[in-house]
Amino acid sequence: MKSKLIVVTGGARSGKSLFAEEYLASCSGRKAYVATAQILDEEMKERVAEHRRRRPEDWQTLEISSGLSAAFPAVLEQADAVLVDCLTLYLSNYLFAHETAGDEEILQGALQEMENIVGAVRQTEDKTVIFVTNELGCGIVPMSHISRLYRDVVGKVNQYAAGQADEVYWTVCGIPVEITRLRASIPPGGCR
């Protein structure tokens, strides 16, 4: 059976991670949690600790804040179900690691990272991979260039990931809604 790719998105503190963790818990086999956060201050340290407390001891935790596409084939060898939490933090790390590059180079590099990860998933059998990411495009246009670039990179990567996913969930106020089945399309023949 082909591997399954799931994207869970929503706003900050919408319940994305909790739903994704519940989804992972429902999967059979070996489970891995890929943590992408870097602990740079006390607040982030506490957020990471909260996530760690929620994880069962039998889940393997892998801390990968950079080089995820290179590491992903090995991750898939170690687990049957994988949760990556989250793409948004991973892309923040990516952006700052490449801040001297041009905007288009950063955008294309981030998209290539995601394409490589999805490619690794699609080359395996019987795996479930869940990506958590934030939906950043619902607010105002950011004032600074770096914030606009970050929003654009996350938006493009999210679009690609969701377009490749078997299931996409949007979380609002702790309620997940599968949006894949609600996908709209232009009627055959177009507008009349």
Protein backbone atom coordinates (compact mmCIF):
# COMPACT_ATOMS: atom_id res chain seq x y z
CA MET A 1 0.00 0.00 0.00
CA LYS A 2 1.32 3.45 -0.85
CA SER A 3 2.33 5.75 1.95
CA LYS A 4 -0.11 8.35 3.22
CA LEU A 5 0.67 12.06 3.54
CA ILE A 6 -1.38 14.29 5.86
CA VAL A 7 -1.17 18.06 6.40
CA VAL A 8 -2.65 19.69 9.51
CA THR A 9 -2.84 23.46 9.37
CA GLY A 10 -4.50 26.35 11.18
CA GLY A 11 -3.67 29.42 13.17
CA ALA A 12 -1.47 29.70 16.24
CA ARG A 13 -2.87 27.78 19.23
CA SER A 14 -5.70 26.38 17.11
CA GLY A 15 -5.16 22.78 18.24
CA LYS A 16 -3.09 21.64 15.25
CA SER A 17 -0.41 19.80 17.19
CA LEU A 18 -2.83 18.13 19.57
CA PHE A 19 -4.92 16.80 16.67
CA ALA A 20 -1.79 15.66 14.81
CA GLU A 21 -0.57 13.87 17.95
CA GLU A 22 -3.94 12.13 18.30
CA TYR A 23 -3.75 11.11 14.64
CA LEU A 24 -0.23 9.72 15.13
CA ALA A 25 -1.36 7.83 18.26
CA SER A 26 -4.07 6.14 16.17
CA CYS A 27 -1.50 4.80 13.70
CA SER A 28 -0.08 1.31 14.06
CA GLY A 29 3.60 0.43 14.26
CA ARG A 30 6.66 2.42 15.30
CA LYS A 31 6.08 6.14 15.78
CA ALA A 32 8.51 9.03 15.39
CA TYR A 33 8.04 12.67 16.32
CA VAL A 34 10.27 15.05 14.37
CA ALA A 35 10.70 18.26 16.37
CA THR A 36 11.92 21.21 14.29
CA ALA A 37 12.05 23.92 16.98
CA GLN A 38 15.27 25.47 18.19
CA ILE A 39 15.27 26.42 21.85
CA LEU A 40 16.56 29.99 21.78
CA ASP A 41 14.87 31.43 24.87
CA GLU A 42 13.00 30.45 28.06
CA GLU A 43 9.56 30.78 26.51
CA MET A 44 10.44 28.37 23.69
CA LYS A 45 12.02 26.05 26.24
CA GLU A 46 8.68 25.85 28.08
CA ARG A 47 6.71 25.34 24.84
CA VAL A 48 8.98 22.44 23.89
CA ALA A 49 8.67 20.98 27.39
CA GLU A 50 4.85 21.08 27.08
CA HIS A 51 5.02 19.14 23.81
CA ARG A 52 7.44 16.62 25.32
CA ARG A 53 5.13 15.97 28.28
CA ARG A 54 2.29 15.05 25.93
CA ARG A 55 4.29 12.48 23.96
CA PRO A 56 4.17 8.82 24.96
CA GLU A 57 7.52 7.32 25.92
CA ASP A 58 7.42 4.78 23.09
CA TRP A 59 7.49 7.53 20.44
CA GLN A 60 10.97 8.16 19.13
CA THR A 61 11.78 11.87 19.20
CA LEU A 62 14.12 13.22 16.54
CA GLU A 63 15.24 16.84 16.77
CA ILE A 64 15.86 18.07 13.23
CA SER A 65 15.91 21.85 12.86
CA SER A 66 17.78 21.84 9.53
CA GLY A 67 18.57 19.40 6.75
CA LEU A 68 15.22 17.67 7.02
CA SER A 69 15.11 16.59 3.37
CA ALA A 70 18.49 14.86 3.69
CA ALA A 71 17.48 13.18 6.96
CA PHE A 72 13.98 12.12 5.95
CA PRO A 73 14.79 8.81 4.21
CA ALA A 74 16.49 7.61 7.41
CA VAL A 75 13.54 8.82 9.49
CA LEU A 76 11.21 6.73 7.33
CA GLU A 77 13.40 3.66 7.92
CA GLN A 78 13.06 4.09 11.69
CA ALA A 79 9.29 4.53 11.90
CA ASP A 80 6.00 3.48 10.35
CA ALA A 81 4.24 6.73 11.26
CA VAL A 82 5.97 10.10 11.48
CA LEU A 83 4.78 13.47 12.77
CA VAL A 84 6.76 16.57 11.75
CA ASP A 85 5.95 19.47 14.08
CA CYS A 86 6.21 21.90 12.53
CA LEU A 87 6.98 23.07 9.00
CA THR A 88 6.52 26.70 10.01
CA LEU A 89 9.38 26.60 12.52
CA TYR A 90 11.48 24.54 10.13
CA LEU A 91 11.01 27.16 7.42
CA SER A 92 11.93 29.92 9.85
CA ASN A 93 15.18 28.06 10.55
CA TYR A 94 15.68 27.61 6.79
CA LEU A 95 15.09 31.28 6.08
CA PHE A 96 17.61 32.50 8.64
CA ALA A 97 20.20 29.92 7.54
CA HIS A 98 19.93 31.31 4.00
CA GLU A 99 19.32 35.00 4.76
CA THR A 100 22.15 36.17 2.49
CA ALA A 101 20.52 34.52 -0.54
CA GLY A 102 18.05 36.31 -2.77
CA ASP A 103 14.31 36.00 -2.23
CA GLU A 104 13.72 33.76 -5.24
CA GLU A 105 16.64 31.50 -4.29
CA ILE A 106 15.23 31.14 -0.76
CA LEU A 107 11.74 30.41 -2.06
CA GLN A 108 12.95 27.85 -4.61
CA GLY A 109 15.28 26.23 -2.08
CA ALA A 110 12.49 25.84 0.46
CA LEU A 111 10.17 24.37 -2.18
CA GLN A 112 12.92 21.96 -3.23
CA GLU A 113 13.29 20.87 0.41
CA MET A 114 9.59 20.05 0.55
CA GLU A 115 9.63 18.31 -2.83
CA ASN A 116 12.51 16.12 -1.64
CA ILE A 117 10.67 15.23 1.57
CA VAL A 118 7.46 14.39 -0.27
CA GLY A 119 9.50 12.40 -2.80
CA ALA A 120 11.02 10.35 0.02
CA VAL A 121 7.54 9.63 1.39
CA ARG A 122 6.21 8.64 -2.03
CA GLN A 123 9.11 6.20 -2.52
CA THR A 124 8.08 4.20 0.56
CA GLU A 125 5.25 1.79 1.25
CA ASP A 126 2.91 1.61 4.24
CA LYS A 127 4.05 4.79 6.00
CA THR A 128 1.95 7.61 7.41
CA VAL A 129 3.54 11.06 7.53
CA ILE A 130 1.82 14.00 9.20
CA PHE A 131 3.00 17.58 8.76
CA VAL A 132 1.87 20.34 11.09
CA THR A 133 2.09 23.86 9.70
CA ASN A 134 0.62 27.30 10.35
CA GLU A 135 -1.65 29.16 7.98
CA LEU A 136 -0.05 32.60 7.89
CA GLY A 137 -2.00 34.16 5.05
CA CYS A 138 -5.14 35.16 6.94
CA GLY A 139 -3.80 38.33 8.51
CA ILE A 140 -2.64 41.70 7.29
CA VAL A 141 0.31 42.14 4.94
CA PRO A 142 3.43 42.29 7.16
CA MET A 143 5.29 45.61 7.27
CA SER A 144 8.86 44.28 6.97
CA HIS A 145 10.44 42.61 3.98
CA ILE A 146 11.68 39.57 5.94
CA SER A 147 8.20 38.98 7.39
CA ARG A 148 6.61 39.20 3.94
CA LEU A 149 9.22 36.82 2.54
CA TYR A 150 8.62 34.38 5.40
CA ARG A 151 4.85 34.51 4.84
CA ASP A 152 5.40 33.89 1.12
CA VAL A 153 7.77 30.95 1.69
CA VAL A 154 5.43 29.30 4.20
CA GLY A 155 2.44 29.92 1.93
CA LYS A 156 4.10 28.40 -1.15
CA VAL A 157 5.43 25.38 0.77
CA ASN A 158 2.02 24.86 2.41
CA GLN A 159 0.31 24.98 -0.99
CA TYR A 160 2.72 22.41 -2.38
CA ALA A 161 2.44 20.11 0.66
CA ALA A 162 -1.36 20.31 0.70
CA GLY A 163 -1.49 19.71 -3.04
CA GLN A 164 0.49 16.49 -2.57
CA ALA A 165 -1.36 15.37 0.58
CA ASP A 166 -3.93 12.61 0.79
CA GLU A 167 -5.69 14.42 3.63
CA VAL A 168 -5.60 18.07 4.72
CA TYR A 169 -7.09 19.26 8.00
CA TRP A 170 -7.78 22.84 9.10
CA THR A 171 -8.06 23.39 12.84
CA VAL A 172 -10.14 26.20 14.29
CA CYS A 173 -10.73 26.63 18.04
CA GLY A 174 -9.53 23.06 18.62
CA ILE A 175 -11.90 21.59 16.04
CA PRO A 176 -10.27 19.85 13.07
CA VAL A 177 -12.12 19.90 9.76
CA GLU A 178 -10.99 17.80 6.82
CA ILE A 179 -10.83 20.26 3.96
CA THR A 180 -9.61 17.84 1.29
CA ARG A 181 -13.15 16.58 0.73
CA LEU A 182 -14.48 20.13 0.62
CA ARG A 183 -12.13 21.13 -2.20
CA ALA A 184 -13.91 23.23 -4.80
CA SER A 185 -13.20 23.13 -8.49
CA ILE A 186 -14.37 25.06 -11.49
CA PRO A 187 -17.27 23.20 -13.14
CA PRO A 188 -16.52 21.37 -16.40
CA GLY A 189 -16.99 23.81 -19.24
CA GLY A 190 -16.12 26.76 -16.99
CA CYS A 191 -18.24 29.85 -16.56
CA ARG A 192 -21.23 30.36 -18.82
